[in-house]
Amino acid sequence: MDIAADSLDWHDALDSYRYPVDLQKFSGRDRFPGWFGLNLNKGDRSETIQFETRFRECAASRLEPWYEVVFWKMYSQRSRTDKQTKRTIERIERNRTSPNTLWTCCAEYLQNETKKSFRQFQQLLIKERSIAVAFTFPAFSCPSRFPMVDRRIAQYVASGGSRLEFSTAPEIDRTLKRYRASGDDALTVLTLSDWPFIETWVGWCRKMADRLSAHKKHA
C-alpha cells in the first residue's frame, strides 16, 4: 500500500467532507428552548468538530445534546429522522434516564470496549438491536479513537472499498456476505450480532490512522 498516496487522498477526503444538517427542522424543537437551533449549512469538518465539541461540553448535564446528535445522525434518512429522534426521547423520558447516566455508561464502553458495556449503553437509547445511533456517541465523545459505524460502512467494506487487508474470519465474512447480497437495502442494519465486524472496523480505522500519522511525522 502506498502510504504517501493514501495520506494525500485522506487529506483530500477531510477537506471535501460535507454533511449539512439543519437541526431547526426537528418538528419537536419547541419542547426544548435554546436547542435545535443550529443550522450546519456547510456541514464541513470545521462545523462538525464544533458540533461534537458542543456535545462533549454539555452531555454530562443536559439531555438535549443527546437528542440533537440522534437527529444529526438520522438526518440523511429524512423519512425516519423525526421518528427515530422522538422514539429515543420517549425512551429516555419514560425510563427517567439522566444525562449523567448516559455519559457514564458511554464512558464505560470507551474504557472497556466490550460488547456487554456497549449493550448496556445502547439499551438506554433504543429498544432495537441496531447499533448505528448508539455508536455515534463514542465517535462524538472520543473522535480520535472511535469512527462511525453503520450499514454504509459495511457496504463500503463489502464492496472492496478498503485497501487494507480486512479480516476474513467466518463471523466477519457472514456480515460482509449479507451486505454484498443486500445492495442498498435500508432494512439491512448492523446489529449486535455483527459485533466481530464492528470491532474489526474500529481496529482497522485505528491502524490506518496510526500509519497516516507516522507518515505525516516523517514527511
N, C-alpha and C. Protein backbone atom coordinates (compact mmCIF):
# COMPACT_ATOMS: atom_id res chain seq x y z
N MET A 1 0.84 -1.19 0.00
CA MET A 1 0.00 0.00 0.00
C MET A 1 0.88 1.24 0.00
N ASP A 2 0.54 2.22 -0.84
CA ASP A 2 1.29 3.46 -0.94
C ASP A 2 0.77 4.43 0.12
N ILE A 3 1.47 4.50 1.27
CA ILE A 3 1.03 5.35 2.38
C ILE A 3 1.05 6.82 1.99
N ALA A 4 2.07 7.23 1.21
CA ALA A 4 2.15 8.63 0.81
C ALA A 4 0.93 9.03 0.00
N ALA A 5 0.55 8.19 -0.95
CA ALA A 5 -0.62 8.48 -1.77
C ALA A 5 -1.89 8.47 -0.93
N ASP A 6 -1.98 7.50 -0.03
CA ASP A 6 -3.16 7.41 0.84
C ASP A 6 -3.26 8.63 1.74
N SER A 7 -2.10 9.15 2.20
CA SER A 7 -2.11 10.33 3.05
C SER A 7 -2.67 11.52 2.30
N LEU A 8 -2.27 11.68 1.05
CA LEU A 8 -2.80 12.77 0.24
C LEU A 8 -4.30 12.59 0.01
N ASP A 9 -4.72 11.36 -0.30
CA ASP A 9 -6.13 11.07 -0.52
C ASP A 9 -6.93 11.37 0.74
N TRP A 10 -6.37 11.03 1.90
CA TRP A 10 -7.09 11.23 3.16
C TRP A 10 -7.28 12.71 3.45
N HIS A 11 -6.25 13.51 3.22
CA HIS A 11 -6.40 14.95 3.43
C HIS A 11 -7.41 15.55 2.46
N ASP A 12 -7.42 15.05 1.24
CA ASP A 12 -8.43 15.50 0.27
C ASP A 12 -9.83 15.15 0.76
N ALA A 13 -9.96 13.94 1.32
CA ALA A 13 -11.27 13.50 1.82
C ALA A 13 -11.72 14.36 3.00
N LEU A 14 -10.80 14.68 3.90
CA LEU A 14 -11.14 15.54 5.03
C LEU A 14 -11.61 16.92 4.56
N ASP A 15 -10.87 17.46 3.59
CA ASP A 15 -11.21 18.79 3.09
C ASP A 15 -12.54 18.81 2.34
N SER A 16 -12.89 17.69 1.75
CA SER A 16 -14.12 17.66 0.95
C SER A 16 -15.33 17.16 1.75
N TYR A 17 -15.13 16.82 3.02
CA TYR A 17 -16.23 16.30 3.85
C TYR A 17 -17.36 17.32 3.94
N ARG A 18 -18.58 16.86 3.67
CA ARG A 18 -19.77 17.70 3.78
C ARG A 18 -20.94 16.85 4.28
N TYR A 19 -21.53 17.28 5.39
CA TYR A 19 -22.75 16.65 5.89
C TYR A 19 -23.62 17.75 6.50
N PRO A 20 -24.26 18.55 5.66
CA PRO A 20 -25.09 19.66 6.17
C PRO A 20 -26.33 19.14 6.89
N VAL A 21 -26.60 19.71 8.05
CA VAL A 21 -27.75 19.32 8.87
C VAL A 21 -28.39 20.58 9.45
N ASP A 22 -29.68 20.70 9.28
CA ASP A 22 -30.43 21.82 9.88
C ASP A 22 -31.25 21.27 11.04
N LEU A 23 -30.74 21.47 12.25
CA LEU A 23 -31.44 20.96 13.43
C LEU A 23 -32.77 21.66 13.67
N GLN A 24 -32.96 22.81 13.07
CA GLN A 24 -34.21 23.54 13.23
C GLN A 24 -35.39 22.81 12.58
N LYS A 25 -35.10 21.82 11.77
CA LYS A 25 -36.17 21.10 11.09
C LYS A 25 -36.79 20.01 11.96
N PHE A 26 -36.28 19.81 13.15
CA PHE A 26 -36.90 18.83 14.06
C PHE A 26 -38.28 19.34 14.47
N SER A 27 -39.30 18.55 14.23
CA SER A 27 -40.68 19.00 14.46
C SER A 27 -41.00 19.18 15.95
N GLY A 28 -40.18 18.57 16.81
CA GLY A 28 -40.43 18.70 18.26
C GLY A 28 -39.56 19.71 18.95
N ARG A 29 -38.91 20.58 18.18
CA ARG A 29 -37.91 21.50 18.76
C ARG A 29 -38.52 22.50 19.74
N ASP A 30 -39.80 22.81 19.64
CA ASP A 30 -40.42 23.79 20.55
C ASP A 30 -40.41 23.32 22.00
N ARG A 31 -40.26 22.01 22.22
CA ARG A 31 -40.21 21.47 23.58
C ARG A 31 -38.88 21.77 24.26
N PHE A 32 -37.89 22.19 23.47
CA PHE A 32 -36.53 22.31 24.00
C PHE A 32 -35.96 23.70 23.68
N PRO A 33 -36.45 24.74 24.38
CA PRO A 33 -35.98 26.10 24.14
C PRO A 33 -34.45 26.19 24.27
N GLY A 34 -33.84 26.87 23.31
CA GLY A 34 -32.39 27.03 23.33
C GLY A 34 -31.64 25.92 22.63
N TRP A 35 -32.37 24.91 22.16
CA TRP A 35 -31.75 23.77 21.48
C TRP A 35 -32.40 23.58 20.11
N PHE A 36 -31.79 22.74 19.30
CA PHE A 36 -32.25 22.51 17.93
C PHE A 36 -32.36 23.83 17.17
N GLY A 37 -31.38 24.69 17.42
CA GLY A 37 -31.36 25.98 16.73
C GLY A 37 -30.23 26.11 15.72
N LEU A 38 -29.32 25.13 15.71
CA LEU A 38 -28.17 25.20 14.82
C LEU A 38 -28.53 24.78 13.40
N ASN A 39 -27.96 25.48 12.46
CA ASN A 39 -28.05 25.07 11.06
C ASN A 39 -26.64 24.89 10.54
N LEU A 40 -26.20 23.66 10.46
CA LEU A 40 -24.87 23.36 9.94
C LEU A 40 -24.97 23.34 8.42
N ASN A 41 -25.15 24.54 7.83
CA ASN A 41 -25.46 24.60 6.41
C ASN A 41 -24.28 24.24 5.52
N LYS A 42 -23.06 24.42 6.01
CA LYS A 42 -21.90 23.94 5.26
C LYS A 42 -21.68 22.45 5.50
N GLY A 43 -21.82 22.08 6.76
CA GLY A 43 -21.61 20.68 7.11
C GLY A 43 -20.19 20.22 6.89
N ASP A 44 -19.25 21.14 6.88
CA ASP A 44 -17.87 20.76 6.64
C ASP A 44 -17.21 20.28 7.93
N ARG A 45 -15.94 19.98 7.85
CA ARG A 45 -15.24 19.41 9.00
C ARG A 45 -15.24 20.38 10.18
N SER A 46 -15.03 21.67 9.91
CA SER A 46 -14.97 22.65 10.98
C SER A 46 -16.30 22.74 11.73
N GLU A 47 -17.41 22.82 11.01
CA GLU A 47 -18.71 22.90 11.66
C GLU A 47 -19.01 21.63 12.44
N THR A 48 -18.62 20.49 11.88
CA THR A 48 -18.89 19.21 12.55
C THR A 48 -18.08 19.09 13.84
N ILE A 49 -16.83 19.52 13.81
CA ILE A 49 -16.00 19.50 15.02
C ILE A 49 -16.59 20.40 16.09
N GLN A 50 -17.08 21.55 15.71
CA GLN A 50 -17.71 22.46 16.67
C GLN A 50 -18.95 21.82 17.29
N PHE A 51 -19.72 21.11 16.48
CA PHE A 51 -20.91 20.43 16.97
C PHE A 51 -20.54 19.31 17.93
N GLU A 52 -19.50 18.55 17.60
CA GLU A 52 -19.01 17.50 18.50
C GLU A 52 -18.55 18.09 19.83
N THR A 53 -17.81 19.21 19.76
CA THR A 53 -17.30 19.85 20.97
C THR A 53 -18.44 20.32 21.86
N ARG A 54 -19.46 20.90 21.24
CA ARG A 54 -20.63 21.35 22.00
C ARG A 54 -21.30 20.18 22.72
N PHE A 55 -21.38 19.04 22.05
CA PHE A 55 -21.94 17.85 22.70
C PHE A 55 -21.14 17.47 23.93
N ARG A 56 -19.82 17.37 23.78
CA ARG A 56 -18.97 16.94 24.89
C ARG A 56 -19.05 17.91 26.07
N GLU A 57 -19.18 19.19 25.79
CA GLU A 57 -19.23 20.18 26.85
C GLU A 57 -20.53 20.12 27.66
N CYS A 58 -21.61 19.64 27.05
CA CYS A 58 -22.92 19.71 27.69
C CYS A 58 -23.53 18.36 28.05
N ALA A 59 -23.00 17.27 27.50
CA ALA A 59 -23.68 15.98 27.56
C ALA A 59 -23.83 15.41 28.96
N ALA A 60 -22.93 15.72 29.86
CA ALA A 60 -23.00 15.15 31.21
C ALA A 60 -24.08 15.79 32.05
N SER A 61 -24.56 16.97 31.64
CA SER A 61 -25.52 17.70 32.47
C SER A 61 -26.85 17.99 31.78
N ARG A 62 -26.93 17.76 30.46
CA ARG A 62 -28.15 18.07 29.72
C ARG A 62 -28.51 16.90 28.81
N LEU A 63 -29.80 16.65 28.66
CA LEU A 63 -30.26 15.61 27.75
C LEU A 63 -30.36 16.10 26.31
N GLU A 64 -30.59 17.40 26.15
CA GLU A 64 -30.81 17.93 24.80
C GLU A 64 -29.67 17.65 23.82
N PRO A 65 -28.40 17.72 24.25
CA PRO A 65 -27.33 17.40 23.30
C PRO A 65 -27.42 15.97 22.75
N TRP A 66 -27.88 15.04 23.56
CA TRP A 66 -28.06 13.66 23.10
C TRP A 66 -29.15 13.60 22.03
N TYR A 67 -30.23 14.34 22.25
CA TYR A 67 -31.32 14.35 21.28
C TYR A 67 -30.86 14.98 19.97
N GLU A 68 -30.08 16.05 20.07
CA GLU A 68 -29.59 16.71 18.86
C GLU A 68 -28.71 15.77 18.04
N VAL A 69 -27.88 15.00 18.70
CA VAL A 69 -26.97 14.10 17.97
C VAL A 69 -27.75 12.98 17.28
N VAL A 70 -28.80 12.48 17.92
CA VAL A 70 -29.64 11.48 17.26
C VAL A 70 -30.24 12.07 15.98
N PHE A 71 -30.77 13.29 16.09
CA PHE A 71 -31.35 13.94 14.91
C PHE A 71 -30.28 14.14 13.84
N TRP A 72 -29.10 14.57 14.24
CA TRP A 72 -27.97 14.76 13.32
C TRP A 72 -27.65 13.46 12.60
N LYS A 73 -27.54 12.38 13.37
CA LYS A 73 -27.19 11.08 12.79
C LYS A 73 -28.24 10.62 11.78
N MET A 74 -29.50 10.84 12.08
CA MET A 74 -30.58 10.33 11.24
C MET A 74 -30.96 11.27 10.10
N TYR A 75 -30.31 12.40 10.00
CA TYR A 75 -30.75 13.45 9.09
C TYR A 75 -30.76 13.02 7.63
N SER A 76 -29.84 12.15 7.25
CA SER A 76 -29.79 11.70 5.85
C SER A 76 -30.94 10.77 5.50
N GLN A 77 -31.63 10.26 6.51
CA GLN A 77 -32.79 9.38 6.28
C GLN A 77 -34.06 10.17 6.59
N ARG A 78 -34.38 11.09 5.73
CA ARG A 78 -35.40 12.11 6.01
C ARG A 78 -36.72 11.52 6.50
N SER A 79 -37.12 10.38 5.96
CA SER A 79 -38.40 9.80 6.37
C SER A 79 -38.39 9.25 7.78
N ARG A 80 -37.20 9.04 8.35
CA ARG A 80 -37.08 8.42 9.66
C ARG A 80 -36.48 9.36 10.71
N THR A 81 -36.03 10.53 10.30
CA THR A 81 -35.28 11.41 11.20
C THR A 81 -36.09 11.80 12.43
N ASP A 82 -37.26 12.39 12.20
CA ASP A 82 -38.11 12.81 13.32
C ASP A 82 -38.56 11.61 14.15
N LYS A 83 -38.94 10.54 13.46
CA LYS A 83 -39.48 9.37 14.15
C LYS A 83 -38.47 8.76 15.10
N GLN A 84 -37.23 8.56 14.64
CA GLN A 84 -36.21 7.96 15.50
C GLN A 84 -35.81 8.89 16.64
N THR A 85 -35.74 10.19 16.35
CA THR A 85 -35.38 11.14 17.40
C THR A 85 -36.44 11.15 18.50
N LYS A 86 -37.71 11.19 18.09
CA LYS A 86 -38.79 11.20 19.09
C LYS A 86 -38.84 9.88 19.84
N ARG A 87 -38.55 8.79 19.17
CA ARG A 87 -38.55 7.49 19.83
C ARG A 87 -37.47 7.42 20.90
N THR A 88 -36.30 7.97 20.60
CA THR A 88 -35.22 8.00 21.59
C THR A 88 -35.58 8.90 22.77
N ILE A 89 -36.15 10.06 22.48
CA ILE A 89 -36.57 10.98 23.54
C ILE A 89 -37.60 10.30 24.45
N GLU A 90 -38.57 9.64 23.84
CA GLU A 90 -39.61 8.97 24.63
C GLU A 90 -39.02 7.87 25.51
N ARG A 91 -38.06 7.14 24.99
CA ARG A 91 -37.45 6.06 25.77
C ARG A 91 -36.68 6.63 26.97
N ILE A 92 -35.91 7.67 26.73
CA ILE A 92 -35.13 8.28 27.81
C ILE A 92 -36.05 8.89 28.87
N GLU A 93 -37.09 9.58 28.42
CA GLU A 93 -38.01 10.21 29.37
C GLU A 93 -38.83 9.17 30.14
N ARG A 94 -39.27 8.13 29.44
CA ARG A 94 -40.06 7.10 30.10
C ARG A 94 -39.26 6.39 31.19
N ASN A 95 -37.99 6.16 30.91
CA ASN A 95 -37.13 5.47 31.88
C ASN A 95 -36.46 6.43 32.87
N ARG A 96 -36.73 7.72 32.69
CA ARG A 96 -36.15 8.76 33.56
C ARG A 96 -34.63 8.65 33.63
N THR A 97 -34.04 8.43 32.48
CA THR A 97 -32.59 8.32 32.40
C THR A 97 -31.97 9.71 32.46
N SER A 98 -31.01 9.89 33.32
CA SER A 98 -30.37 11.20 33.47
C SER A 98 -29.23 11.35 32.46
N PRO A 99 -28.87 12.60 32.14
CA PRO A 99 -27.73 12.80 31.25
C PRO A 99 -26.44 12.23 31.83
N ASN A 100 -26.28 12.30 33.15
CA ASN A 100 -25.08 11.74 33.75
C ASN A 100 -25.01 10.22 33.59
N THR A 101 -26.18 9.57 33.66
CA THR A 101 -26.19 8.11 33.44
C THR A 101 -25.77 7.78 32.02
N LEU A 102 -26.29 8.51 31.04
CA LEU A 102 -25.89 8.30 29.65
C LEU A 102 -24.39 8.50 29.48
N TRP A 103 -23.90 9.60 30.04
CA TRP A 103 -22.48 9.93 29.91
C TRP A 103 -21.60 8.89 30.59
N THR A 104 -22.01 8.43 31.77
CA THR A 104 -21.23 7.44 32.50
C THR A 104 -21.21 6.10 31.77
N CYS A 105 -22.35 5.69 31.25
CA CYS A 105 -22.42 4.40 30.54
C CYS A 105 -21.65 4.45 29.23
N CYS A 106 -21.71 5.58 28.55
CA CYS A 106 -20.92 5.74 27.34
C CYS A 106 -19.43 5.67 27.68
N ALA A 107 -19.04 6.34 28.76
CA ALA A 107 -17.64 6.34 29.19
C ALA A 107 -17.18 4.93 29.58
N GLU A 108 -18.09 4.14 30.13
CA GLU A 108 -17.75 2.76 30.49
C GLU A 108 -17.38 1.96 29.25
N TYR A 109 -18.13 2.17 28.17
CA TYR A 109 -17.76 1.47 26.93
C TYR A 109 -16.44 2.00 26.39
N LEU A 110 -16.23 3.31 26.43
CA LEU A 110 -14.97 3.87 25.94
C LEU A 110 -13.78 3.28 26.68
N GLN A 111 -13.98 2.96 27.94
CA GLN A 111 -12.89 2.44 28.76
C GLN A 111 -12.69 0.94 28.54
N ASN A 112 -13.79 0.20 28.41
CA ASN A 112 -13.68 -1.26 28.36
C ASN A 112 -13.84 -1.86 26.96
N GLU A 113 -14.58 -1.21 26.10
CA GLU A 113 -14.77 -1.63 24.70
C GLU A 113 -15.23 -3.09 24.58
N THR A 114 -16.20 -3.48 25.38
CA THR A 114 -16.75 -4.81 25.28
C THR A 114 -18.17 -4.74 24.72
N LYS A 115 -18.61 -5.85 24.18
CA LYS A 115 -19.98 -5.93 23.68
C LYS A 115 -20.98 -5.68 24.80
N LYS A 116 -20.69 -6.20 25.97
CA LYS A 116 -21.59 -6.04 27.11
C LYS A 116 -21.71 -4.57 27.51
N SER A 117 -20.58 -3.88 27.62
CA SER A 117 -20.64 -2.48 28.04
C SER A 117 -21.32 -1.62 26.98
N PHE A 118 -21.13 -1.96 25.71
CA PHE A 118 -21.83 -1.21 24.67
C PHE A 118 -23.33 -1.47 24.73
N ARG A 119 -23.72 -2.71 24.93
CA ARG A 119 -25.15 -3.05 25.01
C ARG A 119 -25.82 -2.32 26.17
N GLN A 120 -25.13 -2.24 27.30
CA GLN A 120 -25.70 -1.53 28.45
C GLN A 120 -25.95 -0.06 28.12
N PHE A 121 -25.05 0.53 27.34
CA PHE A 121 -25.25 1.91 26.91
C PHE A 121 -26.34 1.99 25.84
N GLN A 122 -26.27 1.11 24.87
CA GLN A 122 -27.21 1.12 23.74
C GLN A 122 -28.66 1.04 24.20
N GLN A 123 -28.94 0.18 25.15
CA GLN A 123 -30.33 -0.04 25.55
C GLN A 123 -30.92 1.16 26.29
N LEU A 124 -30.09 2.09 26.72
CA LEU A 124 -30.61 3.33 27.29
C LEU A 124 -31.22 4.22 26.22
N LEU A 125 -30.80 4.02 24.97
CA LEU A 125 -31.20 4.89 23.87
C LEU A 125 -32.26 4.30 22.96
N ILE A 126 -32.14 3.02 22.66
CA ILE A 126 -33.06 2.40 21.71
C ILE A 126 -33.45 1.01 22.19
N LYS A 127 -34.61 0.58 21.74
CA LYS A 127 -35.10 -0.75 22.10
C LYS A 127 -34.51 -1.80 21.17
N GLU A 128 -34.31 -1.43 19.90
CA GLU A 128 -33.84 -2.38 18.90
C GLU A 128 -32.37 -2.74 19.11
N ARG A 129 -31.91 -3.73 18.35
CA ARG A 129 -30.51 -4.16 18.45
C ARG A 129 -29.60 -3.41 17.48
N SER A 130 -30.17 -2.55 16.64
CA SER A 130 -29.36 -1.75 15.72
C SER A 130 -28.34 -0.92 16.48
N ILE A 131 -27.13 -0.84 15.95
CA ILE A 131 -26.05 -0.19 16.71
C ILE A 131 -25.71 1.23 16.22
N ALA A 132 -26.18 1.63 15.03
CA ALA A 132 -25.67 2.84 14.40
C ALA A 132 -25.88 4.10 15.24
N VAL A 133 -27.10 4.30 15.75
CA VAL A 133 -27.39 5.50 16.53
C VAL A 133 -26.52 5.53 17.79
N ALA A 134 -26.50 4.44 18.52
CA ALA A 134 -25.75 4.41 19.78
C ALA A 134 -24.25 4.57 19.54
N PHE A 135 -23.73 4.02 18.43
CA PHE A 135 -22.29 4.09 18.21
C PHE A 135 -21.85 5.48 17.77
N THR A 136 -22.80 6.32 17.42
CA THR A 136 -22.45 7.71 17.11
C THR A 136 -21.86 8.41 18.32
N PHE A 137 -22.30 8.03 19.51
CA PHE A 137 -21.87 8.74 20.72
C PHE A 137 -20.42 8.45 21.12
N PRO A 138 -19.92 7.22 21.04
CA PRO A 138 -18.48 7.05 21.22
C PRO A 138 -17.66 7.86 20.22
N ALA A 139 -18.16 7.94 18.97
CA ALA A 139 -17.45 8.71 17.94
C ALA A 139 -17.45 10.20 18.27
N PHE A 140 -18.54 10.70 18.84
CA PHE A 140 -18.60 12.10 19.26
C PHE A 140 -17.80 12.33 20.54
N SER A 141 -17.83 11.37 21.44
CA SER A 141 -17.16 11.54 22.73
C SER A 141 -15.65 11.47 22.60
N CYS A 142 -15.17 10.61 21.71
CA CYS A 142 -13.72 10.44 21.54
C CYS A 142 -13.41 10.17 20.07
N PRO A 143 -13.52 11.21 19.22
CA PRO A 143 -13.35 11.00 17.78
C PRO A 143 -11.95 10.56 17.36
N SER A 144 -10.97 10.75 18.22
CA SER A 144 -9.62 10.30 17.87
C SER A 144 -9.47 8.79 17.98
N ARG A 145 -10.42 8.12 18.65
CA ARG A 145 -10.32 6.67 18.84
C ARG A 145 -11.46 5.89 18.22
N PHE A 146 -12.60 6.54 18.02
CA PHE A 146 -13.77 5.80 17.56
C PHE A 146 -14.34 6.39 16.27
N PRO A 147 -14.48 5.56 15.23
CA PRO A 147 -15.09 6.01 13.99
C PRO A 147 -16.61 5.80 14.04
N MET A 148 -17.30 6.35 13.06
CA MET A 148 -18.71 6.00 12.87
C MET A 148 -18.80 4.56 12.38
N VAL A 149 -19.88 3.89 12.73
CA VAL A 149 -20.14 2.54 12.24
C VAL A 149 -21.61 2.42 11.90
N ASP A 150 -21.91 2.09 10.65
CA ASP A 150 -23.30 1.88 10.25
C ASP A 150 -23.33 1.03 9.00
N ARG A 151 -24.51 0.86 8.42
CA ARG A 151 -24.64 -0.04 7.27
C ARG A 151 -23.86 0.47 6.06
N ARG A 152 -23.70 1.80 5.93
CA ARG A 152 -22.94 2.32 4.80
C ARG A 152 -21.47 1.91 4.89
N ILE A 153 -20.96 1.85 6.11
CA ILE A 153 -19.59 1.38 6.32
C ILE A 153 -19.48 -0.09 5.92
N ALA A 154 -20.46 -0.89 6.35
CA ALA A 154 -20.44 -2.31 6.00
C ALA A 154 -20.52 -2.50 4.49
N GLN A 155 -21.34 -1.71 3.82
CA GLN A 155 -21.44 -1.79 2.36
C GLN A 155 -20.12 -1.39 1.70
N TYR A 156 -19.47 -0.39 2.26
CA TYR A 156 -18.18 0.06 1.74
C TYR A 156 -17.14 -1.06 1.82
N VAL A 157 -17.05 -1.69 2.98
CA VAL A 157 -16.07 -2.76 3.15
C VAL A 157 -16.45 -3.96 2.30
N ALA A 158 -17.73 -4.30 2.25
CA ALA A 158 -18.19 -5.46 1.48
C ALA A 158 -17.92 -5.30 -0.01
N SER A 159 -17.94 -4.05 -0.48
CA SER A 159 -17.71 -3.80 -1.91
C SER A 159 -16.24 -3.73 -2.27
N GLY A 160 -15.38 -3.92 -1.26
CA GLY A 160 -13.94 -3.89 -1.51
C GLY A 160 -13.35 -2.51 -1.42
N GLY A 161 -14.06 -1.57 -0.78
CA GLY A 161 -13.59 -0.21 -0.67
C GLY A 161 -12.34 -0.05 0.18
N SER A 162 -12.15 -0.96 1.11
CA SER A 162 -10.97 -0.89 1.97
C SER A 162 -9.76 -1.45 1.24
N ARG A 163 -8.68 -0.68 1.21
CA ARG A 163 -7.46 -1.16 0.55
C ARG A 163 -6.49 -1.81 1.53
N LEU A 164 -6.81 -1.75 2.81
CA LEU A 164 -6.04 -2.55 3.77
C LEU A 164 -6.65 -3.93 3.84
N GLU A 165 -5.84 -4.89 4.13
CA GLU A 165 -6.35 -6.25 4.27
C GLU A 165 -7.33 -6.30 5.43
N PHE A 166 -8.54 -6.78 5.16
CA PHE A 166 -9.58 -6.86 6.18
C PHE A 166 -9.77 -8.31 6.56
N SER A 167 -10.02 -8.57 7.83
CA SER A 167 -10.13 -9.94 8.32
C SER A 167 -11.19 -10.73 7.55
N THR A 168 -10.88 -11.97 7.26
CA THR A 168 -11.84 -12.85 6.59
C THR A 168 -12.34 -13.94 7.54
N ALA A 169 -12.28 -13.68 8.83
CA ALA A 169 -12.79 -14.64 9.80
C ALA A 169 -14.26 -14.93 9.49
N PRO A 170 -14.72 -16.17 9.71
CA PRO A 170 -16.08 -16.55 9.34
C PRO A 170 -17.16 -15.64 9.90
N GLU A 171 -17.02 -15.23 11.17
CA GLU A 171 -18.06 -14.40 11.78
C GLU A 171 -18.12 -13.01 11.15
N ILE A 172 -16.97 -12.54 10.61
CA ILE A 172 -16.95 -11.24 9.92
C ILE A 172 -17.46 -11.40 8.50
N ASP A 173 -17.06 -12.49 7.86
CA ASP A 173 -17.49 -12.72 6.49
C ASP A 173 -19.01 -12.89 6.39
N ARG A 174 -19.64 -13.39 7.44
CA ARG A 174 -21.10 -13.50 7.44
C ARG A 174 -21.75 -12.13 7.30
N THR A 175 -21.18 -11.16 8.01
CA THR A 175 -21.70 -9.79 7.90
C THR A 175 -21.48 -9.25 6.49
N LEU A 176 -20.28 -9.42 5.95
CA LEU A 176 -19.97 -8.87 4.64
C LEU A 176 -20.77 -9.55 3.53
N LYS A 177 -21.00 -10.85 3.64
CA LYS A 177 -21.82 -11.54 2.64
C LYS A 177 -23.23 -10.99 2.62
N ARG A 178 -23.75 -10.66 3.79
CA ARG A 178 -25.10 -10.10 3.87
C ARG A 178 -25.18 -8.77 3.14
N TYR A 179 -24.15 -7.98 3.26
CA TYR A 179 -24.16 -6.67 2.61
C TYR A 179 -23.85 -6.76 1.12
N ARG A 180 -23.08 -7.75 0.72
CA ARG A 180 -22.87 -7.94 -0.72
C ARG A 180 -24.18 -8.34 -1.39
N ALA A 181 -25.01 -9.07 -0.66
CA ALA A 181 -26.27 -9.54 -1.24
C ALA A 181 -27.38 -8.50 -1.15
N SER A 182 -27.27 -7.58 -0.20
CA SER A 182 -28.38 -6.68 0.08
C SER A 182 -28.39 -5.42 -0.77
N GLY A 183 -27.25 -5.08 -1.37
CA GLY A 183 -27.19 -3.83 -2.12
C GLY A 183 -27.42 -2.65 -1.20
N ASP A 184 -28.39 -1.81 -1.54
CA ASP A 184 -28.66 -0.60 -0.75
C ASP A 184 -29.93 -0.76 0.08
N ASP A 185 -30.19 -1.96 0.52
CA ASP A 185 -31.40 -2.25 1.29
C ASP A 185 -31.32 -1.54 2.64
N ALA A 186 -32.20 -0.57 2.86
CA ALA A 186 -32.17 0.23 4.08
C ALA A 186 -32.51 -0.59 5.31
N LEU A 187 -33.13 -1.76 5.10
CA LEU A 187 -33.52 -2.58 6.24
C LEU A 187 -32.36 -3.41 6.77
N THR A 188 -31.28 -3.46 6.02
CA THR A 188 -30.14 -4.27 6.43
C THR A 188 -29.23 -3.45 7.33
N VAL A 189 -29.53 -3.42 8.60
CA VAL A 189 -28.76 -2.61 9.54
C VAL A 189 -27.77 -3.48 10.30
N LEU A 190 -26.73 -2.86 10.78
CA LEU A 190 -25.80 -3.55 11.67
C LEU A 190 -26.44 -3.70 13.04
N THR A 191 -26.29 -4.87 13.62
CA THR A 191 -26.82 -5.13 14.95
C THR A 191 -25.72 -5.71 15.82
N LEU A 192 -26.07 -6.02 17.06
CA LEU A 192 -25.08 -6.61 17.96
C LEU A 192 -24.57 -7.96 17.47
N SER A 193 -25.34 -8.63 16.62
CA SER A 193 -24.87 -9.90 16.07
C SER A 193 -23.68 -9.69 15.12
N ASP A 194 -23.46 -8.45 14.70
CA ASP A 194 -22.34 -8.11 13.83
C ASP A 194 -21.14 -7.59 14.62
N TRP A 195 -21.12 -7.83 15.90
CA TRP A 195 -20.08 -7.25 16.75
C TRP A 195 -18.66 -7.56 16.28
N PRO A 196 -18.33 -8.76 15.82
CA PRO A 196 -16.95 -9.00 15.34
C PRO A 196 -16.56 -8.05 14.21
N PHE A 197 -17.51 -7.78 13.30
CA PHE A 197 -17.21 -6.82 12.24
C PHE A 197 -16.99 -5.42 12.81
N ILE A 198 -17.83 -5.02 13.75
CA ILE A 198 -17.73 -3.69 14.35
C ILE A 198 -16.36 -3.51 15.02
N GLU A 199 -15.95 -4.49 15.81
CA GLU A 199 -14.64 -4.41 16.47
C GLU A 199 -13.51 -4.33 15.44
N THR A 200 -13.64 -5.11 14.38
CA THR A 200 -12.60 -5.13 13.35
C THR A 200 -12.53 -3.79 12.62
N TRP A 201 -13.68 -3.19 12.34
CA TRP A 201 -13.69 -1.89 11.68
C TRP A 201 -13.02 -0.83 12.55
N VAL A 202 -13.33 -0.83 13.84
CA VAL A 202 -12.69 0.13 14.75
C VAL A 202 -11.17 -0.07 14.74
N GLY A 203 -10.75 -1.32 14.82
CA GLY A 203 -9.31 -1.60 14.79
C GLY A 203 -8.66 -1.20 13.47
N TRP A 204 -9.36 -1.44 12.36
CA TRP A 204 -8.84 -1.07 11.04
C TRP A 204 -8.63 0.44 10.95
N CYS A 205 -9.60 1.21 11.44
CA CYS A 205 -9.50 2.67 11.39
C CYS A 205 -8.33 3.16 12.24
N ARG A 206 -8.15 2.55 13.39
CA ARG A 206 -7.03 2.96 14.25
C ARG A 206 -5.69 2.64 13.61
N LYS A 207 -5.61 1.48 12.98
CA LYS A 207 -4.37 1.09 12.31
C LYS A 207 -4.06 2.06 11.17
N MET A 208 -5.08 2.40 10.38
CA MET A 208 -4.87 3.34 9.28
C MET A 208 -4.46 4.72 9.82
N ALA A 209 -5.11 5.17 10.90
CA ALA A 209 -4.78 6.47 11.48
C ALA A 209 -3.33 6.49 11.96
N ASP A 210 -2.89 5.39 12.57
CA ASP A 210 -1.51 5.31 13.05
C ASP A 210 -0.52 5.39 11.89
N ARG A 211 -0.85 4.70 10.79
CA ARG A 211 0.05 4.70 9.64
C ARG A 211 0.12 6.08 9.00
N LEU A 212 -1.02 6.72 8.85
CA LEU A 212 -1.04 8.05 8.24
C LEU A 212 -0.34 9.07 9.14
N SER A 213 -0.53 8.94 10.46
CA SER A 213 0.13 9.84 11.39
C SER A 213 1.63 9.65 11.36
N ALA A 214 2.08 8.41 11.29
CA ALA A 214 3.52 8.13 11.22
C ALA A 214 4.11 8.70 9.96
N HIS A 215 3.38 8.59 8.84
CA HIS A 215 3.90 9.14 7.58
C HIS A 215 3.99 10.66 7.67
N LYS A 216 2.99 11.29 8.28
CA LYS A 216 2.99 12.75 8.40
C LYS A 216 4.18 13.23 9.21
N LYS A 217 4.53 12.50 10.30
CA LYS A 217 5.67 12.89 11.14
C LYS A 217 6.98 12.85 10.37
N HIS A 218 7.09 11.88 9.43
CA HIS A 218 8.35 11.69 8.75
C HIS A 218 8.38 12.36 7.37
N ALA A 219 7.28 13.01 7.03
CA ALA A 219 7.21 13.66 5.69
C ALA A 219 8.08 14.91 5.66
